[in-house]
Amino acid sequence: MHEMSDLLRVIHTLHWYALAFMGLVYVIRINWFVKRFKAGGERQAATGIPGRTTPKKGILYSWGNVAMPWSMESSRTRPFFYLQFVAFHLGVTAAILLLFIIPLGPGLLENEAVVLALRIPIGAAFLVGLGRMVRRFGDKYMRAISSPDDYFSLILLTVWFFFAFLAVPNSTANGEWHLIGYFLIATFFLAYVPFSKISHYLYYPFTRYYIGKSLGHRGVFPILRGPARG
């Protein structure tokens, strides 16, 4: 462990305020979303196989769909892109976890296994981020559907992974610039993300709930393999 500079202490404090701000905005947005969008009532009789395709099972299947690449055509036909998706989001999770470990449990980073467990997914996410940047800038179809927010968020996330990878040991042997960069970008993200497309994950549980409930009622979710038998 090391003694933080006054600048890093100020940045840590700003980070907690930014986190509180993001939480407040999310509460407001979720409250608005739940009141604004209601799950519509079914207008037809249930058409699923009794006991096998029900609204409840459809909801659970819909929530878990992201972890079932075999259930999506895009993942079945392009498994490499799914692996990139997994690596990228594991890196995001590890980098976010590090934001709490450094100020609240820095002693954990004295364990080489913990450092490795954080660095591997963050490093992999950084490489995926570079690959996504090349694809988004180089593919004419990706350029056609990309907004300025897509470019900005992807570039900043990739840079953040770079600083996170360096920040993992929580060492100041070569200065604090990497820790300052890591926390400054994270602080900015906390204030920016609620108003960007990155906040799509906030609505995932709700939208997948509505889809699963409806398709479960209609007998579509869960998708049955092999011939259906009543």
C-alpha atoms as a PDB file:
ATOM      1  CA  MET A   1       0.000   0.000   0.000  1.00  0.00           C
ATOM      2  CA  HIS A   2       1.055   3.608  -0.436  1.00  0.00           C
ATOM      3  CA  GLU A   3       0.289   7.058   0.920  1.00  0.00           C
ATOM      4  CA  MET A   4      -2.065   8.912  -1.415  1.00  0.00           C
ATOM      5  CA  SER A   5      -1.309  12.433  -2.501  1.00  0.00           C
ATOM      6  CA  ASP A   6      -3.733  15.257  -1.777  1.00  0.00           C
ATOM      7  CA  LEU A   7      -4.715  15.325  -5.455  1.00  0.00           C
ATOM      8  CA  LEU A   8      -5.625  11.645  -5.465  1.00  0.00           C
ATOM      9  CA  ARG A   9      -7.649  12.092  -2.264  1.00  0.00           C
ATOM     10  CA  VAL A  10      -9.636  14.894  -3.925  1.00  0.00           C
ATOM     11  CA  ILE A  11     -10.236  12.718  -6.992  1.00  0.00           C
ATOM     12  CA  HIS A  12     -11.420   9.834  -4.792  1.00  0.00           C
ATOM     13  CA  THR A  13     -13.874  12.199  -3.089  1.00  0.00           C
ATOM     14  CA  LEU A  14     -15.172  13.443  -6.448  1.00  0.00           C
ATOM     15  CA  HIS A  15     -15.583   9.832  -7.507  1.00  0.00           C
ATOM     16  CA  TRP A  16     -17.954   9.107  -4.592  1.00  0.00           C
ATOM     17  CA  TYR A  17     -20.000  12.223  -5.349  1.00  0.00           C
ATOM     18  CA  ALA A  18     -20.215  11.231  -9.015  1.00  0.00           C
ATOM     19  CA  LEU A  19     -21.329   7.731  -7.995  1.00  0.00           C
ATOM     20  CA  ALA A  20     -24.088   9.212  -5.821  1.00  0.00           C
ATOM     21  CA  PHE A  21     -25.139  11.455  -8.725  1.00  0.00           C
ATOM     22  CA  MET A  22     -25.365   8.483 -11.096  1.00  0.00           C
ATOM     23  CA  GLY A  23     -27.398   6.530  -8.558  1.00  0.00           C
ATOM     24  CA  LEU A  24     -29.843   9.432  -8.173  1.00  0.00           C
ATOM     25  CA  VAL A  25     -30.268   9.807 -11.933  1.00  0.00           C
ATOM     26  CA  TYR A  26     -30.811   6.059 -12.283  1.00  0.00           C
ATOM     27  CA  VAL A  27     -33.509   6.065  -9.591  1.00  0.00           C
ATOM     28  CA  ILE A  28     -35.303   8.899 -11.410  1.00  0.00           C
ATOM     29  CA  ARG A  29     -34.997   7.176 -14.787  1.00  0.00           C
ATOM     30  CA  ILE A  30     -36.150   3.776 -13.544  1.00  0.00           C
ATOM     31  CA  ASN A  31     -39.104   5.387 -11.769  1.00  0.00           C
ATOM     32  CA  TRP A  32     -40.022   7.182 -15.003  1.00  0.00           C
ATOM     33  CA  PHE A  33     -39.552   4.029 -17.075  1.00  0.00           C
ATOM     34  CA  VAL A  34     -41.746   1.856 -14.834  1.00  0.00           C
ATOM     35  CA  LYS A  35     -44.525   4.458 -14.780  1.00  0.00           C
ATOM     36  CA  ARG A  36     -44.260   5.303 -18.478  1.00  0.00           C
ATOM     37  CA  PHE A  37     -44.075   1.787 -19.919  1.00  0.00           C
ATOM     38  CA  LYS A  38     -46.449  -0.854 -18.641  1.00  0.00           C
ATOM     39  CA  ALA A  39     -46.531  -4.471 -19.698  1.00  0.00           C
ATOM     40  CA  GLY A  40     -49.557  -4.780 -21.939  1.00  0.00           C
ATOM     41  CA  GLY A  41     -52.286  -7.268 -21.170  1.00  0.00           C
ATOM     42  CA  GLU A  42     -52.510 -10.362 -23.329  1.00  0.00           C
ATOM     43  CA  ARG A  43     -55.284 -10.306 -25.912  1.00  0.00           C
ATOM     44  CA  GLN A  44     -55.206 -13.971 -26.769  1.00  0.00           C
ATOM     45  CA  ALA A  45     -55.446 -17.208 -24.891  1.00  0.00           C
ATOM     46  CA  ALA A  46     -52.217 -18.891 -23.824  1.00  0.00           C
ATOM     47  CA  THR A  47     -50.857 -20.963 -26.691  1.00  0.00           C
ATOM     48  CA  GLY A  48     -47.882 -22.582 -24.991  1.00  0.00           C
ATOM     49  CA  ILE A  49     -47.542 -26.210 -23.970  1.00  0.00           C
ATOM     50  CA  PRO A  50     -48.999 -26.430 -20.442  1.00  0.00           C
ATOM     51  CA  GLY A  51     -46.248 -26.551 -17.853  1.00  0.00           C
ATOM     52  CA  ARG A  52     -43.433 -26.069 -20.394  1.00  0.00           C
ATOM     53  CA  THR A  53     -43.915 -22.611 -21.890  1.00  0.00           C
ATOM     54  CA  THR A  54     -45.396 -20.225 -19.357  1.00  0.00           C
ATOM     55  CA  PRO A  55     -44.967 -16.493 -18.691  1.00  0.00           C
ATOM     56  CA  LYS A  56     -42.810 -17.188 -15.616  1.00  0.00           C
ATOM     57  CA  LYS A  57     -40.510 -19.568 -17.482  1.00  0.00           C
ATOM     58  CA  GLY A  58     -40.450 -17.157 -20.411  1.00  0.00           C
ATOM     59  CA  ILE A  59     -39.248 -14.339 -18.144  1.00  0.00           C
ATOM     60  CA  LEU A  60     -36.451 -16.455 -16.678  1.00  0.00           C
ATOM     61  CA  TYR A  61     -35.432 -17.641 -20.138  1.00  0.00           C
ATOM     62  CA  SER A  62     -35.456 -14.073 -21.466  1.00  0.00           C
ATOM     63  CA  TRP A  63     -33.277 -12.791 -18.610  1.00  0.00           C
ATOM     64  CA  GLY A  64     -30.768 -15.574 -19.168  1.00  0.00           C
ATOM     65  CA  ASN A  65     -30.762 -15.245 -22.939  1.00  0.00           C
ATOM     66  CA  VAL A  66     -27.533 -13.235 -22.949  1.00  0.00           C
ATOM     67  CA  ALA A  67     -25.710 -16.210 -21.402  1.00  0.00           C
ATOM     68  CA  MET A  68     -27.087 -18.668 -23.967  1.00  0.00           C
ATOM     69  CA  PRO A  69     -25.268 -17.955 -27.232  1.00  0.00           C
ATOM     70  CA  TRP A  70     -26.772 -21.057 -28.834  1.00  0.00           C
ATOM     71  CA  SER A  71     -30.224 -19.435 -28.600  1.00  0.00           C
ATOM     72  CA  MET A  72     -29.271 -16.477 -30.812  1.00  0.00           C
ATOM     73  CA  GLU A  73     -28.528 -16.849 -34.512  1.00  0.00           C
ATOM     74  CA  SER A  74     -25.957 -14.052 -34.453  1.00  0.00           C
ATOM     75  CA  SER A  75     -23.985 -15.860 -31.725  1.00  0.00           C
ATOM     76  CA  ARG A  76     -24.284 -19.306 -33.316  1.00  0.00           C
ATOM     77  CA  THR A  77     -22.996 -18.103 -36.665  1.00  0.00           C
ATOM     78  CA  ARG A  78     -20.380 -15.690 -35.292  1.00  0.00           C
ATOM     79  CA  PRO A  79     -19.085 -17.163 -32.025  1.00  0.00           C
ATOM     80  CA  PHE A  80     -15.930 -15.011 -32.082  1.00  0.00           C
ATOM     81  CA  PHE A  81     -18.005 -11.861 -31.699  1.00  0.00           C
ATOM     82  CA  TYR A  82     -19.808 -13.403 -28.743  1.00  0.00           C
ATOM     83  CA  LEU A  83     -16.468 -14.198 -27.099  1.00  0.00           C
ATOM     84  CA  GLN A  84     -15.495 -10.556 -27.638  1.00  0.00           C
ATOM     85  CA  PHE A  85     -18.751  -9.482 -26.012  1.00  0.00           C
ATOM     86  CA  VAL A  86     -18.050 -11.671 -22.970  1.00  0.00           C
ATOM     87  CA  ALA A  87     -14.423 -10.532 -22.670  1.00  0.00           C
ATOM     88  CA  PHE A  88     -15.388  -6.862 -22.983  1.00  0.00           C
ATOM     89  CA  HIS A  89     -18.052  -7.009 -20.298  1.00  0.00           C
ATOM     90  CA  LEU A  90     -15.914  -9.076 -17.932  1.00  0.00           C
ATOM     91  CA  GLY A  91     -13.289  -6.357 -18.302  1.00  0.00           C
ATOM     92  CA  VAL A  92     -15.863  -3.681 -17.495  1.00  0.00           C
ATOM     93  CA  THR A  93     -16.884  -5.631 -14.390  1.00  0.00           C
ATOM     94  CA  ALA A  94     -13.278  -6.040 -13.227  1.00  0.00           C
ATOM     95  CA  ALA A  95     -12.457  -2.361 -13.852  1.00  0.00           C
ATOM     96  CA  ILE A  96     -15.547  -1.265 -11.903  1.00  0.00           C
ATOM     97  CA  LEU A  97     -14.693  -3.642  -9.056  1.00  0.00           C
ATOM     98  CA  LEU A  98     -11.233  -2.089  -8.901  1.00  0.00           C
ATOM     99  CA  LEU A  99     -12.825   1.310  -8.256  1.00  0.00           C
ATOM    100  CA  PHE A 100     -14.021  -0.022  -4.904  1.00  0.00           C
ATOM    101  CA  ILE A 101     -11.042  -2.207  -4.044  1.00  0.00           C
ATOM    102  CA  ILE A 102      -8.445   0.571  -4.248  1.00  0.00           C
ATOM    103  CA  PRO A 103     -10.106   2.975  -1.767  1.00  0.00           C
ATOM    104  CA  LEU A 104     -11.846   0.412   0.455  1.00  0.00           C
ATOM    105  CA  GLY A 105      -9.664  -2.707   0.391  1.00  0.00           C
ATOM    106  CA  PRO A 106      -6.242  -1.877  -1.054  1.00  0.00           C
ATOM    107  CA  GLY A 107      -4.677  -4.724   0.912  1.00  0.00           C
ATOM    108  CA  LEU A 108      -6.319  -7.188  -1.501  1.00  0.00           C
ATOM    109  CA  LEU A 109      -4.004  -5.939  -4.245  1.00  0.00           C
ATOM    110  CA  GLU A 110      -0.986  -7.208  -2.345  1.00  0.00           C
ATOM    111  CA  ASN A 111      -2.132 -10.682  -3.381  1.00  0.00           C
ATOM    112  CA  GLU A 112      -0.648 -11.569  -6.794  1.00  0.00           C
ATOM    113  CA  ALA A 113      -3.571 -13.874  -7.576  1.00  0.00           C
ATOM    114  CA  VAL A 114      -6.044 -11.013  -7.108  1.00  0.00           C
ATOM    115  CA  VAL A 115      -3.924  -8.712  -9.272  1.00  0.00           C
ATOM    116  CA  LEU A 116      -3.798 -11.352 -12.004  1.00  0.00           C
ATOM    117  CA  ALA A 117      -7.525 -12.043 -11.732  1.00  0.00           C
ATOM    118  CA  LEU A 118      -8.190  -8.351 -12.401  1.00  0.00           C
ATOM    119  CA  ARG A 119      -5.513  -7.716 -14.992  1.00  0.00           C
ATOM    120  CA  ILE A 120      -6.404 -10.603 -17.313  1.00  0.00           C
ATOM    121  CA  PRO A 121     -10.023  -9.534 -18.032  1.00  0.00           C
ATOM    122  CA  ILE A 122      -9.119  -5.831 -18.102  1.00  0.00           C
ATOM    123  CA  GLY A 123      -6.251  -6.475 -20.536  1.00  0.00           C
ATOM    124  CA  ALA A 124      -8.488  -8.656 -22.709  1.00  0.00           C
ATOM    125  CA  ALA A 125     -11.175  -5.937 -22.719  1.00  0.00           C
ATOM    126  CA  PHE A 126      -8.571  -3.369 -23.797  1.00  0.00           C
ATOM    127  CA  LEU A 127      -7.605  -5.533 -26.782  1.00  0.00           C
ATOM    128  CA  VAL A 128     -11.253  -6.067 -27.683  1.00  0.00           C
ATOM    129  CA  GLY A 129     -11.789  -2.324 -27.434  1.00  0.00           C
ATOM    130  CA  LEU A 130      -8.961  -1.695 -29.904  1.00  0.00           C
ATOM    131  CA  GLY A 131     -10.475  -4.265 -32.264  1.00  0.00           C
ATOM    132  CA  ARG A 132     -13.899  -2.671 -31.992  1.00  0.00           C
ATOM    133  CA  MET A 133     -12.432   0.735 -32.752  1.00  0.00           C
ATOM    134  CA  VAL A 134     -10.788  -0.585 -35.913  1.00  0.00           C
ATOM    135  CA  ARG A 135     -14.045  -2.255 -36.970  1.00  0.00           C
ATOM    136  CA  ARG A 136     -16.223   0.779 -36.208  1.00  0.00           C
ATOM    137  CA  PHE A 137     -13.939   3.146 -38.107  1.00  0.00           C
ATOM    138  CA  GLY A 138     -13.063   0.754 -40.921  1.00  0.00           C
ATOM    139  CA  ASP A 139     -16.379  -0.956 -41.700  1.00  0.00           C
ATOM    140  CA  LYS A 140     -18.667   1.209 -43.838  1.00  0.00           C
ATOM    141  CA  TYR A 141     -21.765  -0.497 -42.440  1.00  0.00           C
ATOM    142  CA  MET A 142     -20.678   0.161 -38.866  1.00  0.00           C
ATOM    143  CA  ARG A 143     -19.939   3.794 -39.738  1.00  0.00           C
ATOM    144  CA  ALA A 144     -23.425   4.147 -41.201  1.00  0.00           C
ATOM    145  CA  ILE A 145     -25.151   3.126 -37.967  1.00  0.00           C
ATOM    146  CA  SER A 146     -22.711   4.749 -35.524  1.00  0.00           C
ATOM    147  CA  SER A 147     -23.434   7.978 -33.680  1.00  0.00           C
ATOM    148  CA  PRO A 148     -20.847  10.373 -32.215  1.00  0.00           C
ATOM    149  CA  ASP A 149     -21.695   8.907 -28.797  1.00  0.00           C
ATOM    150  CA  ASP A 150     -20.719   5.429 -30.062  1.00  0.00           C
ATOM    151  CA  TYR A 151     -17.264   6.617 -31.082  1.00  0.00           C
ATOM    152  CA  PHE A 152     -16.701   8.756 -28.011  1.00  0.00           C
ATOM    153  CA  SER A 153     -17.812   6.089 -25.522  1.00  0.00           C
ATOM    154  CA  LEU A 154     -15.817   3.314 -27.169  1.00  0.00           C
ATOM    155  CA  ILE A 155     -12.616   5.357 -27.367  1.00  0.00           C
ATOM    156  CA  LEU A 156     -12.893   6.573 -23.784  1.00  0.00           C
ATOM    157  CA  LEU A 157     -13.720   3.086 -22.482  1.00  0.00           C
ATOM    158  CA  THR A 158     -10.685   1.645 -24.254  1.00  0.00           C
ATOM    159  CA  VAL A 159      -8.433   4.346 -22.810  1.00  0.00           C
ATOM    160  CA  TRP A 160      -9.952   3.667 -19.388  1.00  0.00           C
ATOM    161  CA  PHE A 161      -9.086  -0.030 -19.678  1.00  0.00           C
ATOM    162  CA  PHE A 162      -5.478   0.986 -20.404  1.00  0.00           C
ATOM    163  CA  PHE A 163      -5.286   3.059 -17.223  1.00  0.00           C
ATOM    164  CA  ALA A 164      -7.150   0.383 -15.229  1.00  0.00           C
ATOM    165  CA  PHE A 165      -4.632  -2.261 -16.301  1.00  0.00           C
ATOM    166  CA  LEU A 166      -1.791  -0.076 -15.009  1.00  0.00           C
ATOM    167  CA  ALA A 167      -3.687   0.860 -11.848  1.00  0.00           C
ATOM    168  CA  VAL A 168      -4.363  -2.704 -10.686  1.00  0.00           C
ATOM    169  CA  PRO A 169      -1.244  -3.138  -8.493  1.00  0.00           C
ATOM    170  CA  ASN A 170      -2.103   0.219  -6.855  1.00  0.00           C
ATOM    171  CA  SER A 171       1.562   1.142  -6.955  1.00  0.00           C
ATOM    172  CA  THR A 172       3.044   4.641  -7.085  1.00  0.00           C
ATOM    173  CA  ALA A 173       6.630   3.539  -7.689  1.00  0.00           C
ATOM    174  CA  ASN A 174       6.552   5.415 -11.016  1.00  0.00           C
ATOM    175  CA  GLY A 175       4.183   8.167  -9.947  1.00  0.00           C
ATOM    176  CA  GLU A 176       0.409   8.461  -9.623  1.00  0.00           C
ATOM    177  CA  TRP A 177      -0.427   9.472 -13.201  1.00  0.00           C
ATOM    178  CA  HIS A 178      -2.002   6.104 -14.041  1.00  0.00           C
ATOM    179  CA  LEU A 179      -4.168   6.124 -10.887  1.00  0.00           C
ATOM    180  CA  ILE A 180      -5.185   9.733 -11.503  1.00  0.00           C
ATOM    181  CA  GLY A 181      -6.103   8.963 -15.121  1.00  0.00           C
ATOM    182  CA  TYR A 182      -8.039   5.856 -14.103  1.00  0.00           C
ATOM    183  CA  PHE A 183     -10.132   7.605 -11.444  1.00  0.00           C
ATOM    184  CA  LEU A 184     -10.636  10.816 -13.434  1.00  0.00           C
ATOM    185  CA  ILE A 185     -12.040   8.932 -16.437  1.00  0.00           C
ATOM    186  CA  ALA A 186     -14.200   6.793 -14.138  1.00  0.00           C
ATOM    187  CA  THR A 187     -15.532   9.915 -12.415  1.00  0.00           C
ATOM    188  CA  PHE A 188     -16.406  11.455 -15.760  1.00  0.00           C
ATOM    189  CA  PHE A 189     -18.132   8.244 -16.858  1.00  0.00           C
ATOM    190  CA  LEU A 190     -20.268   8.168 -13.720  1.00  0.00           C
ATOM    191  CA  ALA A 191     -21.692  11.565 -14.652  1.00  0.00           C
ATOM    192  CA  TYR A 192     -21.850  10.893 -18.407  1.00  0.00           C
ATOM    193  CA  VAL A 193     -23.132   7.316 -18.667  1.00  0.00           C
ATOM    194  CA  PRO A 194     -26.710   7.992 -17.432  1.00  0.00           C
ATOM    195  CA  PHE A 195     -27.183  10.294 -20.440  1.00  0.00           C
ATOM    196  CA  SER A 196     -25.410   8.137 -23.024  1.00  0.00           C
ATOM    197  CA  LYS A 197     -26.257   4.970 -24.944  1.00  0.00           C
ATOM    198  CA  ILE A 198     -24.124   3.006 -22.484  1.00  0.00           C
ATOM    199  CA  SER A 199     -27.040   3.158 -20.044  1.00  0.00           C
ATOM    200  CA  HIS A 200     -28.861   0.540 -22.151  1.00  0.00           C
ATOM    201  CA  TYR A 201     -27.962  -2.048 -19.507  1.00  0.00           C
ATOM    202  CA  LEU A 202     -30.225  -0.192 -17.059  1.00  0.00           C
ATOM    203  CA  TYR A 203     -33.293  -1.220 -19.020  1.00  0.00           C
ATOM    204  CA  TYR A 204     -32.234  -4.786 -19.790  1.00  0.00           C
ATOM    205  CA  PRO A 205     -34.061  -6.436 -16.828  1.00  0.00           C
ATOM    206  CA  PHE A 206     -37.274  -4.552 -17.631  1.00  0.00           C
ATOM    207  CA  THR A 207     -37.370  -4.993 -21.407  1.00  0.00           C
ATOM    208  CA  ARG A 208     -36.415  -8.673 -21.168  1.00  0.00           C
ATOM    209  CA  TYR A 209     -39.125  -9.117 -18.514  1.00  0.00           C
ATOM    210  CA  TYR A 210     -41.785  -7.735 -20.854  1.00  0.00           C
ATOM    211  CA  ILE A 211     -40.538  -9.796 -23.802  1.00  0.00           C
ATOM    212  CA  GLY A 212     -40.249 -13.002 -21.779  1.00  0.00           C
ATOM    213  CA  LYS A 213     -43.690 -12.578 -20.217  1.00  0.00           C
ATOM    214  CA  SER A 214     -45.368 -12.066 -23.574  1.00  0.00           C
ATOM    215  CA  LEU A 215     -43.492 -14.752 -25.503  1.00  0.00           C
ATOM    216  CA  GLY A 216     -43.863 -17.197 -22.627  1.00  0.00           C
ATOM    217  CA  HIS A 217     -47.622 -16.672 -22.751  1.00  0.00           C
ATOM    218  CA  ARG A 218     -47.611 -17.269 -26.497  1.00  0.00           C
ATOM    219  CA  GLY A 219     -45.599 -20.458 -26.214  1.00  0.00           C
ATOM    220  CA  VAL A 220     -42.399 -19.115 -27.811  1.00  0.00           C
ATOM    221  CA  PHE A 221     -40.164 -18.854 -24.707  1.00  0.00           C
ATOM    222  CA  PRO A 222     -38.473 -21.026 -23.570  1.00  0.00           C
ATOM    223  CA  ILE A 223     -37.511 -22.247 -27.015  1.00  0.00           C
ATOM    224  CA  LEU A 224     -38.045 -25.990 -27.129  1.00  0.00           C
ATOM    225  CA  ARG A 225     -35.525 -28.239 -28.844  1.00  0.00           C
ATOM    226  CA  GLY A 226     -36.747 -31.236 -30.788  1.00  0.00           C
ATOM    227  CA  PRO A 227     -40.382 -32.132 -31.523  1.00  0.00           C
ATOM    228  CA  ALA A 228     -42.882 -30.612 -29.108  1.00  0.00           C
ATOM    229  CA  ARG A 229     -45.162 -32.965 -27.257  1.00  0.00           C
ATOM    230  CA  GLY A 230     -48.138 -31.977 -25.229  1.00  0.00           C
END
